[in-house]
C-alpha atoms as a PDB file:
ATOM      1  CA  MET A   1      68.768  90.591 100.186  1.00  0.00           C
ATOM      2  CA  ALA A   2      68.251  93.924 102.008  1.00  0.00           C
ATOM      3  CA  HIS A   3      68.161  94.501 105.734  1.00  0.00           C
ATOM      4  CA  ALA A   4      66.916  97.941 106.810  1.00  0.00           C
ATOM      5  CA  ALA A   5      67.690  97.592 110.529  1.00  0.00           C
ATOM      6  CA  PHE A   6      71.137  98.113 112.000  1.00  0.00           C
ATOM      7  CA  ASP A   7      72.680  99.331 115.252  1.00  0.00           C
ATOM      8  CA  ASP A   8      74.936 102.396 115.327  1.00  0.00           C
ATOM      9  CA  ILE A   9      77.558 101.940 118.086  1.00  0.00           C
ATOM     10  CA  GLN A  10      80.340 104.351 119.085  1.00  0.00           C
ATOM     11  CA  VAL A  11      83.559 102.406 119.696  1.00  0.00           C
ATOM     12  CA  GLU A  12      87.143 103.156 120.648  1.00  0.00           C
ATOM     13  CA  THR A  13      90.530 101.468 120.722  1.00  0.00           C
ATOM     14  CA  ALA A  14      93.883 102.399 122.202  1.00  0.00           C
ATOM     15  CA  GLY A  15      96.013 104.945 120.372  1.00  0.00           C
ATOM     16  CA  PRO A  16      99.561 106.002 121.279  1.00  0.00           C
ATOM     17  CA  ASP A  17      98.564 108.737 123.768  1.00  0.00           C
ATOM     18  CA  GLY A  18      94.786 108.424 123.958  1.00  0.00           C
ATOM     19  CA  PRO A  19      91.804 106.689 122.372  1.00  0.00           C
ATOM     20  CA  LEU A  20      91.048 106.256 118.694  1.00  0.00           C
ATOM     21  CA  ARG A  21      87.324 106.502 118.038  1.00  0.00           C
ATOM     22  CA  GLY A  22      84.904 105.310 115.377  1.00  0.00           C
ATOM     23  CA  THR A  23      81.426 104.080 114.511  1.00  0.00           C
ATOM     24  CA  LEU A  24      80.392 100.433 114.240  1.00  0.00           C
ATOM     25  CA  LEU A  25      77.282  99.617 112.200  1.00  0.00           C
ATOM     26  CA  LEU A  26      75.867  96.193 113.016  1.00  0.00           C
ATOM     27  CA  PRO A  27      73.042  94.799 110.893  1.00  0.00           C
ATOM     28  CA  SER A  28      70.443  92.451 112.346  1.00  0.00           C
ATOM     29  CA  VAL A  29      72.194  89.426 110.851  1.00  0.00           C
ATOM     30  CA  ASP A  30      73.932  86.622 112.703  1.00  0.00           C
ATOM     31  CA  GLU A  31      77.676  86.346 112.024  1.00  0.00           C
ATOM     32  CA  ALA A  32      77.715  89.281 109.602  1.00  0.00           C
ATOM     33  CA  PRO A  33      81.037  89.925 107.837  1.00  0.00           C
ATOM     34  CA  VAL A  34      82.726  93.078 109.135  1.00  0.00           C
ATOM     35  CA  VAL A  35      84.489  95.694 107.008  1.00  0.00           C
ATOM     36  CA  LEU A  36      86.910  98.253 108.481  1.00  0.00           C
ATOM     37  CA  ILE A  37      86.797 101.385 106.297  1.00  0.00           C
ATOM     38  CA  ILE A  38      90.198 103.122 106.265  1.00  0.00           C
ATOM     39  CA  PRO A  39      90.143 106.802 105.270  1.00  0.00           C
ATOM     40  CA  GLY A  40      92.195 108.464 102.572  1.00  0.00           C
ATOM     41  CA  SER A  41      94.723 111.270 102.729  1.00  0.00           C
ATOM     42  CA  GLY A  42      94.688 114.469 104.723  1.00  0.00           C
ATOM     43  CA  PRO A  43      92.243 115.576 107.423  1.00  0.00           C
ATOM     44  CA  THR A  44      89.523 113.155 106.338  1.00  0.00           C
ATOM     45  CA  ASP A  45      86.985 112.058 108.938  1.00  0.00           C
ATOM     46  CA  ARG A  46      85.195 108.760 109.445  1.00  0.00           C
ATOM     47  CA  ASP A  47      82.416 109.783 107.042  1.00  0.00           C
ATOM     48  CA  GLY A  48      84.860 110.636 104.254  1.00  0.00           C
ATOM     49  CA  ASN A  49      84.675 114.428 104.613  1.00  0.00           C
ATOM     50  CA  ASN A  50      87.219 117.159 105.291  1.00  0.00           C
ATOM     51  CA  ALA A  51      87.516 120.915 105.647  1.00  0.00           C
ATOM     52  CA  LEU A  52      89.187 121.183 102.233  1.00  0.00           C
ATOM     53  CA  GLY A  53      85.847 120.977 100.445  1.00  0.00           C
ATOM     54  CA  VAL A  54      85.121 117.247 100.442  1.00  0.00           C
ATOM     55  CA  LYS A  55      81.603 116.654 101.790  1.00  0.00           C
ATOM     56  CA  ALA A  56      80.586 113.610  99.752  1.00  0.00           C
ATOM     57  CA  SER A  57      80.084 111.420 102.873  1.00  0.00           C
ATOM     58  CA  THR A  58      81.364 108.455 100.873  1.00  0.00           C
ATOM     59  CA  TYR A  59      82.326 106.298 103.870  1.00  0.00           C
ATOM     60  CA  ARG A  60      79.040 106.883 105.676  1.00  0.00           C
ATOM     61  CA  LEU A  61      77.127 105.949 102.537  1.00  0.00           C
ATOM     62  CA  LEU A  62      79.260 102.824 102.101  1.00  0.00           C
ATOM     63  CA  ALA A  63      78.652 101.771 105.698  1.00  0.00           C
ATOM     64  CA  GLU A  64      74.898 102.312 105.543  1.00  0.00           C
ATOM     65  CA  GLU A  65      74.470 100.537 102.210  1.00  0.00           C
ATOM     66  CA  LEU A  66      76.549  97.581 103.357  1.00  0.00           C
ATOM     67  CA  ALA A  67      74.545  97.342 106.586  1.00  0.00           C
ATOM     68  CA  ARG A  68      71.299  97.259 104.618  1.00  0.00           C
ATOM     69  CA  ARG A  69      72.691  94.204 102.858  1.00  0.00           C
ATOM     70  CA  GLY A  70      73.781  92.336 105.962  1.00  0.00           C
ATOM     71  CA  ILE A  71      77.421  93.448 106.165  1.00  0.00           C
ATOM     72  CA  ALA A  72      78.740  95.206 109.270  1.00  0.00           C
ATOM     73  CA  SER A  73      81.314  97.987 109.157  1.00  0.00           C
ATOM     74  CA  ALA A  74      83.513 100.195 111.286  1.00  0.00           C
ATOM     75  CA  ARG A  75      84.587 103.612 110.086  1.00  0.00           C
ATOM     76  CA  VAL A  76      87.133 105.562 112.087  1.00  0.00           C
ATOM     77  CA  ASP A  77      88.761 108.918 112.714  1.00  0.00           C
ATOM     78  CA  LYS A  78      92.501 109.025 112.088  1.00  0.00           C
ATOM     79  CA  ARG A  79      94.929 109.481 114.973  1.00  0.00           C
ATOM     80  CA  GLY A  80      95.163 113.103 116.076  1.00  0.00           C
ATOM     81  CA  MET A  81      92.024 114.183 114.222  1.00  0.00           C
ATOM     82  CA  PHE A  82      88.336 114.738 115.019  1.00  0.00           C
ATOM     83  CA  ALA A  83      87.137 112.406 117.796  1.00  0.00           C
ATOM     84  CA  SER A  84      90.589 110.739 117.786  1.00  0.00           C
ATOM     85  CA  ALA A  85      92.311 114.067 118.544  1.00  0.00           C
ATOM     86  CA  GLU A  86      93.629 112.785 121.883  1.00  0.00           C
ATOM     87  CA  ALA A  87      95.424 109.831 120.305  1.00  0.00           C
ATOM     88  CA  VAL A  88      98.546 111.874 119.472  1.00  0.00           C
ATOM     89  CA  VAL A  89      99.765 115.361 120.277  1.00  0.00           C
ATOM     90  CA  ASP A  90     100.727 116.186 116.669  1.00  0.00           C
ATOM     91  CA  PRO A  91      98.543 114.697 113.910  1.00  0.00           C
ATOM     92  CA  ASN A  92     101.202 115.603 111.344  1.00  0.00           C
ATOM     93  CA  ALA A  93     103.922 113.565 113.071  1.00  0.00           C
ATOM     94  CA  VAL A  94     102.739 110.286 111.556  1.00  0.00           C
ATOM     95  CA  THR A  95     103.646 107.774 108.870  1.00  0.00           C
ATOM     96  CA  LEU A  96     101.676 105.238 106.848  1.00  0.00           C
ATOM     97  CA  ASP A  97     103.230 102.616 109.103  1.00  0.00           C
ATOM     98  CA  ASP A  98     101.680 104.370 112.117  1.00  0.00           C
ATOM     99  CA  TYR A  99      98.279 104.262 110.454  1.00  0.00           C
ATOM    100  CA  ALA A 100      98.792 100.559 109.756  1.00  0.00           C
ATOM    101  CA  ARG A 101      99.492  99.996 113.455  1.00  0.00           C
ATOM    102  CA  ASP A 102      96.213 101.753 114.240  1.00  0.00           C
ATOM    103  CA  VAL A 103      94.409  99.449 111.808  1.00  0.00           C
ATOM    104  CA  ARG A 104      95.788  96.429 113.657  1.00  0.00           C
ATOM    105  CA  ALA A 105      94.568  97.894 116.951  1.00  0.00           C
ATOM    106  CA  TRP A 106      91.122  98.395 115.422  1.00  0.00           C
ATOM    107  CA  ILE A 107      91.079  94.795 114.153  1.00  0.00           C
ATOM    108  CA  ALA A 108      91.543  93.517 117.713  1.00  0.00           C
ATOM    109  CA  THR A 109      88.785  95.757 119.084  1.00  0.00           C
ATOM    110  CA  ILE A 110      86.315  94.991 116.293  1.00  0.00           C
ATOM    111  CA  ARG A 111      86.851  91.264 116.784  1.00  0.00           C
ATOM    112  CA  GLU A 112      85.995  91.682 120.462  1.00  0.00           C
ATOM    113  CA  HIS A 113      82.790  93.576 119.647  1.00  0.00           C
ATOM    114  CA  THR A 114      81.599  91.261 116.879  1.00  0.00           C
ATOM    115  CA  GLY A 115      83.016  87.822 117.653  1.00  0.00           C
ATOM    116  CA  ARG A 116      84.400  87.560 114.141  1.00  0.00           C
ATOM    117  CA  ASP A 117      87.783  85.879 113.773  1.00  0.00           C
ATOM    118  CA  CYS A 118      88.736  87.956 110.764  1.00  0.00           C
ATOM    119  CA  ILE A 119      87.956  91.467 109.514  1.00  0.00           C
ATOM    120  CA  TRP A 120      87.793  92.824 105.960  1.00  0.00           C
ATOM    121  CA  LEU A 121      89.920  95.905 105.279  1.00  0.00           C
ATOM    122  CA  LEU A 122      88.529  98.467 102.834  1.00  0.00           C
ATOM    123  CA  GLY A 123      90.970 101.284 102.186  1.00  0.00           C
ATOM    124  CA  HIS A 124      90.114 104.302 100.065  1.00  0.00           C
ATOM    125  CA  SER A 125      92.837 106.111  98.100  1.00  0.00           C
ATOM    126  CA  GLU A 126      95.850 106.464 100.440  1.00  0.00           C
ATOM    127  CA  GLY A 127      93.875 104.313 102.890  1.00  0.00           C
ATOM    128  CA  GLY A 128      94.178 101.472 100.405  1.00  0.00           C
ATOM    129  CA  THR A 129      97.941 101.546 100.813  1.00  0.00           C
ATOM    130  CA  VAL A 130      97.489 101.564 104.595  1.00  0.00           C
ATOM    131  CA  ALA A 131      95.248  98.487 104.243  1.00  0.00           C
ATOM    132  CA  LEU A 132      97.896  96.703 102.170  1.00  0.00           C
ATOM    133  CA  LEU A 133     100.542  97.513 104.783  1.00  0.00           C
ATOM    134  CA  ALA A 134      98.366  96.363 107.675  1.00  0.00           C
ATOM    135  CA  ALA A 135      97.298  93.090 106.049  1.00  0.00           C
ATOM    136  CA  VAL A 136     100.751  91.614 105.465  1.00  0.00           C
ATOM    137  CA  ASP A 137     101.216  88.483 107.604  1.00  0.00           C
ATOM    138  CA  ASP A 138      98.090  89.148 109.693  1.00  0.00           C
ATOM    139  CA  ASP A 139      95.783  86.124 109.802  1.00  0.00           C
ATOM    140  CA  ARG A 140      93.048  88.251 111.376  1.00  0.00           C
ATOM    141  CA  VAL A 141      92.444  89.885 107.972  1.00  0.00           C
ATOM    142  CA  CYS A 142      89.783  88.193 105.834  1.00  0.00           C
ATOM    143  CA  GLY A 143      90.863  90.109 102.751  1.00  0.00           C
ATOM    144  CA  VAL A 144      91.638  93.564 101.371  1.00  0.00           C
ATOM    145  CA  ILE A 145      89.515  95.872  99.230  1.00  0.00           C
ATOM    146  CA  ALA A 146      91.633  98.615  97.649  1.00  0.00           C
ATOM    147  CA  VAL A 147      89.333 101.374  96.394  1.00  0.00           C
ATOM    148  CA  ALA A 148      90.722 104.135  94.149  1.00  0.00           C
ATOM    149  CA  THR A 149      94.186 103.168  95.380  1.00  0.00           C
ATOM    150  CA  PRO A 150      97.344 104.217  93.538  1.00  0.00           C
ATOM    151  CA  GLY A 151      99.257 101.394  91.900  1.00  0.00           C
ATOM    152  CA  ARG A 152     102.514 103.318  91.541  1.00  0.00           C
ATOM    153  CA  PRO A 153     104.962 105.058  93.857  1.00  0.00           C
ATOM    154  CA  TYR A 154     103.251 108.160  95.225  1.00  0.00           C
ATOM    155  CA  GLY A 155     105.728 110.542  93.602  1.00  0.00           C
ATOM    156  CA  ASP A 156     104.531 109.370  90.184  1.00  0.00           C
ATOM    157  CA  VAL A 157     100.900 109.844  91.213  1.00  0.00           C
ATOM    158  CA  ILE A 158     101.487 113.363  92.542  1.00  0.00           C
ATOM    159  CA  ARG A 159     103.329 114.381  89.364  1.00  0.00           C
ATOM    160  CA  GLU A 160     100.464 113.108  87.226  1.00  0.00           C
ATOM    161  CA  GLN A 161      97.860 114.922  89.331  1.00  0.00           C
ATOM    162  CA  LEU A 162      99.800 118.176  89.096  1.00  0.00           C
ATOM    163  CA  ARG A 163     100.179 117.860  85.325  1.00  0.00           C
ATOM    164  CA  ALA A 164      96.441 117.188  84.958  1.00  0.00           C
ATOM    165  CA  ASN A 165      95.511 120.448  86.692  1.00  0.00           C
ATOM    166  CA  PRO A 166      95.926 123.398  84.282  1.00  0.00           C
ATOM    167  CA  ASP A 167      96.354 125.775  87.218  1.00  0.00           C
ATOM    168  CA  SER A 168      99.556 123.979  88.216  1.00  0.00           C
ATOM    169  CA  ALA A 169     101.434 124.657  84.967  1.00  0.00           C
ATOM    170  CA  PRO A 170     103.438 127.680  86.233  1.00  0.00           C
ATOM    171  CA  ILE A 171     104.692 125.830  89.326  1.00  0.00           C
ATOM    172  CA  LEU A 172     105.455 122.371  87.944  1.00  0.00           C
ATOM    173  CA  ASP A 173     109.250 122.802  87.884  1.00  0.00           C
ATOM    174  CA  GLU A 174     109.294 123.959  91.500  1.00  0.00           C
ATOM    175  CA  ALA A 175     106.976 121.154  92.572  1.00  0.00           C
ATOM    176  CA  PHE A 176     108.947 118.449  90.789  1.00  0.00           C
ATOM    177  CA  ALA A 177     112.236 119.654  92.250  1.00  0.00           C
ATOM    178  CA  ALA A 178     110.764 119.499  95.753  1.00  0.00           C
ATOM    179  CA  LEU A 179     109.371 116.014  95.110  1.00  0.00           C
ATOM    180  CA  ALA A 180     112.759 114.729  93.955  1.00  0.00           C
ATOM    181  CA  ARG A 181     114.417 115.924  97.180  1.00  0.00           C
ATOM    182  CA  LEU A 182     111.720 114.348  99.347  1.00  0.00           C
ATOM    183  CA  GLU A 183     111.956 111.078  97.400  1.00  0.00           C
ATOM    184  CA  ALA A 184     115.663 111.082  98.268  1.00  0.00           C
ATOM    185  CA  GLY A 185     114.722 111.380 101.937  1.00  0.00           C
ATOM    186  CA  GLU A 186     115.785 115.025 102.197  1.00  0.00           C
ATOM    187  CA  ARG A 187     113.693 117.844 103.595  1.00  0.00           C
ATOM    188  CA  VAL A 188     112.840 120.892 101.481  1.00  0.00           C
ATOM    189  CA  ASP A 189     113.308 124.556 102.372  1.00  0.00           C
ATOM    190  CA  THR A 190     109.907 126.168 101.843  1.00  0.00           C
ATOM    191  CA  THR A 191     111.168 129.732 102.197  1.00  0.00           C
ATOM    192  CA  GLY A 192     109.853 131.598  99.167  1.00  0.00           C
ATOM    193  CA  MET A 193     107.962 128.542  97.886  1.00  0.00           C
ATOM    194  CA  HIS A 194     104.846 129.292  95.854  1.00  0.00           C
ATOM    195  CA  PRO A 195     101.899 129.367  98.292  1.00  0.00           C
ATOM    196  CA  ALA A 196      99.933 126.877  96.200  1.00  0.00           C
ATOM    197  CA  LEU A 197     102.559 124.219  96.962  1.00  0.00           C
ATOM    198  CA  LEU A 198     102.603 124.609 100.726  1.00  0.00           C
ATOM    199  CA  SER A 199      99.691 122.215 101.223  1.00  0.00           C
ATOM    200  CA  LEU A 200     101.888 119.511  99.657  1.00  0.00           C
ATOM    201  CA  PHE A 201     105.256 120.460 101.105  1.00  0.00           C
ATOM    202  CA  ALA A 202     104.642 122.321 104.380  1.00  0.00           C
ATOM    203  CA  ASN A 203     107.468 121.817 106.885  1.00  0.00           C
ATOM    204  CA  GLU A 204     105.217 120.083 109.425  1.00  0.00           C
ATOM    205  CA  ILE A 205     104.179 117.305 107.010  1.00  0.00           C
ATOM    206  CA  GLN A 206     107.481 116.653 105.249  1.00  0.00           C
ATOM    207  CA  GLY A 207     108.313 113.676 107.468  1.00  0.00           C
ATOM    208  CA  PHE A 208     104.997 112.104 106.527  1.00  0.00           C
ATOM    209  CA  VAL A 209     105.517 112.870 102.838  1.00  0.00           C
ATOM    210  CA  ILE A 210     109.011 111.317 102.863  1.00  0.00           C
ATOM    211  CA  ASN A 211     107.519 108.133 104.334  1.00  0.00           C
ATOM    212  CA  LEU A 212     104.601 108.187 101.875  1.00  0.00           C
ATOM    213  CA  LEU A 213     106.935 108.497  98.900  1.00  0.00           C
ATOM    214  CA  SER A 214     108.927 105.473 100.070  1.00  0.00           C
ATOM    215  CA  HIS A 215     106.011 103.076  99.555  1.00  0.00           C
ATOM    216  CA  ASP A 216     105.049 101.346  96.305  1.00  0.00           C
ATOM    217  CA  PRO A 217     101.514  99.911  96.621  1.00  0.00           C
ATOM    218  CA  ALA A 218     102.178  97.351  93.877  1.00  0.00           C
ATOM    219  CA  ALA A 219     105.090  95.922  95.863  1.00  0.00           C
ATOM    220  CA  LEU A 220     102.859  95.701  98.934  1.00  0.00           C
ATOM    221  CA  ILE A 221      99.955  93.974  97.204  1.00  0.00           C
ATOM    222  CA  ALA A 222     102.340  91.377  95.775  1.00  0.00           C
ATOM    223  CA  ASN A 223     102.989  90.136  99.328  1.00  0.00           C
ATOM    224  CA  LEU A 224      99.357  89.350 100.162  1.00  0.00           C
ATOM    225  CA  ASP A 225      97.905  85.848 100.149  1.00  0.00           C
ATOM    226  CA  VAL A 226      94.360  86.810 101.196  1.00  0.00           C
ATOM    227  CA  PRO A 227      91.495  87.648  98.806  1.00  0.00           C
ATOM    228  CA  VAL A 228      92.009  91.080  97.224  1.00  0.00           C
ATOM    229  CA  LEU A 229      89.554  93.282  95.331  1.00  0.00           C
ATOM    230  CA  VAL A 230      90.819  96.321  93.420  1.00  0.00           C
ATOM    231  CA  LEU A 231      87.912  98.683  92.758  1.00  0.00           C
ATOM    232  CA  GLN A 232      88.485 101.659  90.462  1.00  0.00           C
ATOM    233  CA  GLY A 233      86.273 104.239  88.771  1.00  0.00           C
ATOM    234  CA  THR A 234      86.925 105.190  85.163  1.00  0.00           C
ATOM    235  CA  ARG A 235      86.094 108.877  85.833  1.00  0.00           C
ATOM    236  CA  ASP A 236      88.566 109.202  88.711  1.00  0.00           C
ATOM    237  CA  ILE A 237      90.722 112.319  88.186  1.00  0.00           C
ATOM    238  CA  GLN A 238      93.121 111.417  91.008  1.00  0.00           C
ATOM    239  CA  VAL A 239      93.816 107.717  90.463  1.00  0.00           C
ATOM    240  CA  THR A 240      93.532 105.963  87.100  1.00  0.00           C
ATOM    241  CA  PRO A 241      92.461 102.573  85.741  1.00  0.00           C
ATOM    242  CA  ALA A 242      96.143 102.050  84.923  1.00  0.00           C
ATOM    243  CA  ASP A 243      96.801 102.087  88.680  1.00  0.00           C
ATOM    244  CA  ALA A 244      94.221  99.342  89.184  1.00  0.00           C
ATOM    245  CA  GLU A 245      95.738  97.310  86.380  1.00  0.00           C
ATOM    246  CA  ARG A 246      99.223  97.657  87.898  1.00  0.00           C
ATOM    247  CA  LEU A 247      97.911  96.428  91.250  1.00  0.00           C
ATOM    248  CA  GLY A 248      96.204  93.498  89.545  1.00  0.00           C
ATOM    249  CA  ALA A 249      99.362  92.613  87.634  1.00  0.00           C
ATOM    250  CA  ALA A 250     101.335  92.560  90.883  1.00  0.00           C
ATOM    251  CA  ASN A 251      98.928  90.081  92.498  1.00  0.00           C
ATOM    252  CA  LYS A 252      97.557  87.581  89.996  1.00  0.00           C
ATOM    253  CA  SER A 253      94.872  86.429  92.459  1.00  0.00           C
ATOM    254  CA  ALA A 254      93.406  89.916  92.818  1.00  0.00           C
ATOM    255  CA  VAL A 255      90.004  90.676  91.326  1.00  0.00           C
ATOM    256  CA  VAL A 256      90.070  93.988  89.422  1.00  0.00           C
ATOM    257  CA  VAL A 257      86.754  95.755  88.837  1.00  0.00           C
ATOM    258  CA  LEU A 258      86.539  98.969  86.792  1.00  0.00           C
ATOM    259  CA  LEU A 259      83.368 100.980  87.371  1.00  0.00           C
ATOM    260  CA  ASP A 260      82.125 103.053  84.449  1.00  0.00           C
ATOM    261  CA  ASP A 261      81.180 106.701  85.076  1.00  0.00           C
ATOM    262  CA  THR A 262      82.465 106.541  88.676  1.00  0.00           C
ATOM    263  CA  ASN A 263      84.862 109.061  90.192  1.00  0.00           C
ATOM    264  CA  HIS A 264      87.276 109.200  93.122  1.00  0.00           C
ATOM    265  CA  VAL A 265      84.567 109.712  95.752  1.00  0.00           C
ATOM    266  CA  LEU A 266      82.503 106.915  94.153  1.00  0.00           C
ATOM    267  CA  LYS A 267      79.827 109.199  92.731  1.00  0.00           C
ATOM    268  CA  THR A 268      78.420 109.095  89.189  1.00  0.00           C
ATOM    269  CA  VAL A 269      80.075 111.361  86.598  1.00  0.00           C
ATOM    270  CA  THR A 270      79.092 111.036  82.949  1.00  0.00           C
ATOM    271  CA  SER A 271      81.474 113.450  81.217  1.00  0.00           C
ATOM    272  CA  ALA A 272      85.124 114.473  81.175  1.00  0.00           C
ATOM    273  CA  ASN A 273      84.254 117.894  82.602  1.00  0.00           C
ATOM    274  CA  ARG A 274      86.614 118.445  85.554  1.00  0.00           C
ATOM    275  CA  SER A 275      84.382 121.018  87.269  1.00  0.00           C
ATOM    276  CA  ALA A 276      81.374 118.682  87.135  1.00  0.00           C
ATOM    277  CA  ASN A 277      83.498 115.895  88.574  1.00  0.00           C
ATOM    278  CA  LEU A 278      84.752 118.033  91.448  1.00  0.00           C
ATOM    279  CA  ALA A 279      81.227 119.290  92.188  1.00  0.00           C
ATOM    280  CA  THR A 280      80.254 115.787  93.326  1.00  0.00           C
ATOM    281  CA  TYR A 281      82.912 115.971  96.072  1.00  0.00           C
ATOM    282  CA  ALA A 282      80.758 118.536  97.877  1.00  0.00           C
ATOM    283  CA  ASP A 283      77.382 116.790  97.613  1.00  0.00           C
ATOM    284  CA  PRO A 284      76.526 114.289 100.366  1.00  0.00           C
ATOM    285  CA  ASP A 285      73.036 113.848  98.939  1.00  0.00           C
ATOM    286  CA  LEU A 286      74.308 112.187  95.770  1.00  0.00           C
ATOM    287  CA  PRO A 287      74.092 108.407  96.117  1.00  0.00           C
ATOM    288  CA  LEU A 288      77.032 106.143  95.442  1.00  0.00           C
ATOM    289  CA  ALA A 289      77.505 105.171  91.811  1.00  0.00           C
ATOM    290  CA  PRO A 290      75.331 102.140  91.042  1.00  0.00           C
ATOM    291  CA  GLY A 291      78.124  99.614  90.566  1.00  0.00           C
ATOM    292  CA  VAL A 292      79.921 100.198  93.865  1.00  0.00           C
ATOM    293  CA  ILE A 293      77.827  98.241  96.372  1.00  0.00           C
ATOM    294  CA  PRO A 294      77.099  95.265  94.075  1.00  0.00           C
ATOM    295  CA  ALA A 295      80.843  94.844  93.456  1.00  0.00           C
ATOM    296  CA  LEU A 296      81.586  94.934  97.177  1.00  0.00           C
ATOM    297  CA  ILE A 297      78.865  92.574  98.338  1.00  0.00           C
ATOM    298  CA  THR A 298      79.539  90.081  95.543  1.00  0.00           C
ATOM    299  CA  PHE A 299      83.220  89.924  96.467  1.00  0.00           C
ATOM    300  CA  ILE A 300      82.687  89.762 100.221  1.00  0.00           C
ATOM    301  CA  TRP A 301      79.938  87.138 100.174  1.00  0.00           C
ATOM    302  CA  THR A 302      81.895  85.064  97.637  1.00  0.00           C
ATOM    303  CA  HIS A 303      85.045  84.997  99.778  1.00  0.00           C
ATOM    304  CA  ASP A 304      83.720  85.241 103.325  1.00  0.00           C
ATOM    305  CA  ASP A 305      83.859  81.872 105.062  1.00  0.00           C
ATOM    306  CA  ARG A 306      81.684  82.908 108.055  1.00  0.00           C
ATOM    307  CA  ARG A 307      84.601  82.415 110.437  1.00  0.00           C
END
């Protein structure tokens, strides 16, 4: 079932100091399910892009493809960034718990706009952990879709990502020492730190990183009693199928779907070539990998009760 027509509506909700803003796509379908798309780490906008080289437009493509199949969505700018810049003075002075509070504010606003009693949460990468945090004990959440979401404490994920990048070999000891201090809740002196590590450990983001490292997504997912889908690509060079399996093991009701030849930004990659994989991050014209939308719509329509 495909529906070509949908309305594109600019929406906002209250942030701490000013409005949070996003885009609501409403298909021409009565009582359409609604998915809130929660962005991943760093300065990532509502479309899934950032100034660090990611231009895949993954969230925009997700929203448009879902709308064509009768499912509404909202995709949003994070507090302090892009059109939500007025929401906080310092976008770095945040925690995952703050982002979860913003998700709950968005749920209330989206319900008002759509008349739906419950909203689906789709979190990508770090956004998946935010979705898990926000969904606990909230009966306004229809269910959670964790896409390319780590299944381990974030310190373990960061160590694995650093080891997988050959360019990081000379700085691994320094990076791991800094991680251990942050995991202990202690700040790190960056004086003399290798420049390549400052994006991870800059002074202004260390409070956020300490909070991030304190969360274990598997422990969070274990507390959910709503429908959960764990969606993971087998060509993801940032999060692995083992993460998806750990999430599934922590919540026996969760549906785990592994997508062949699909990477972290949900584009098709057919080889183990790292450069070819990363090239897809910069190409908004590449469609989503073929298994992504079918997995989402099957899960949502199976579990949505049209409330």
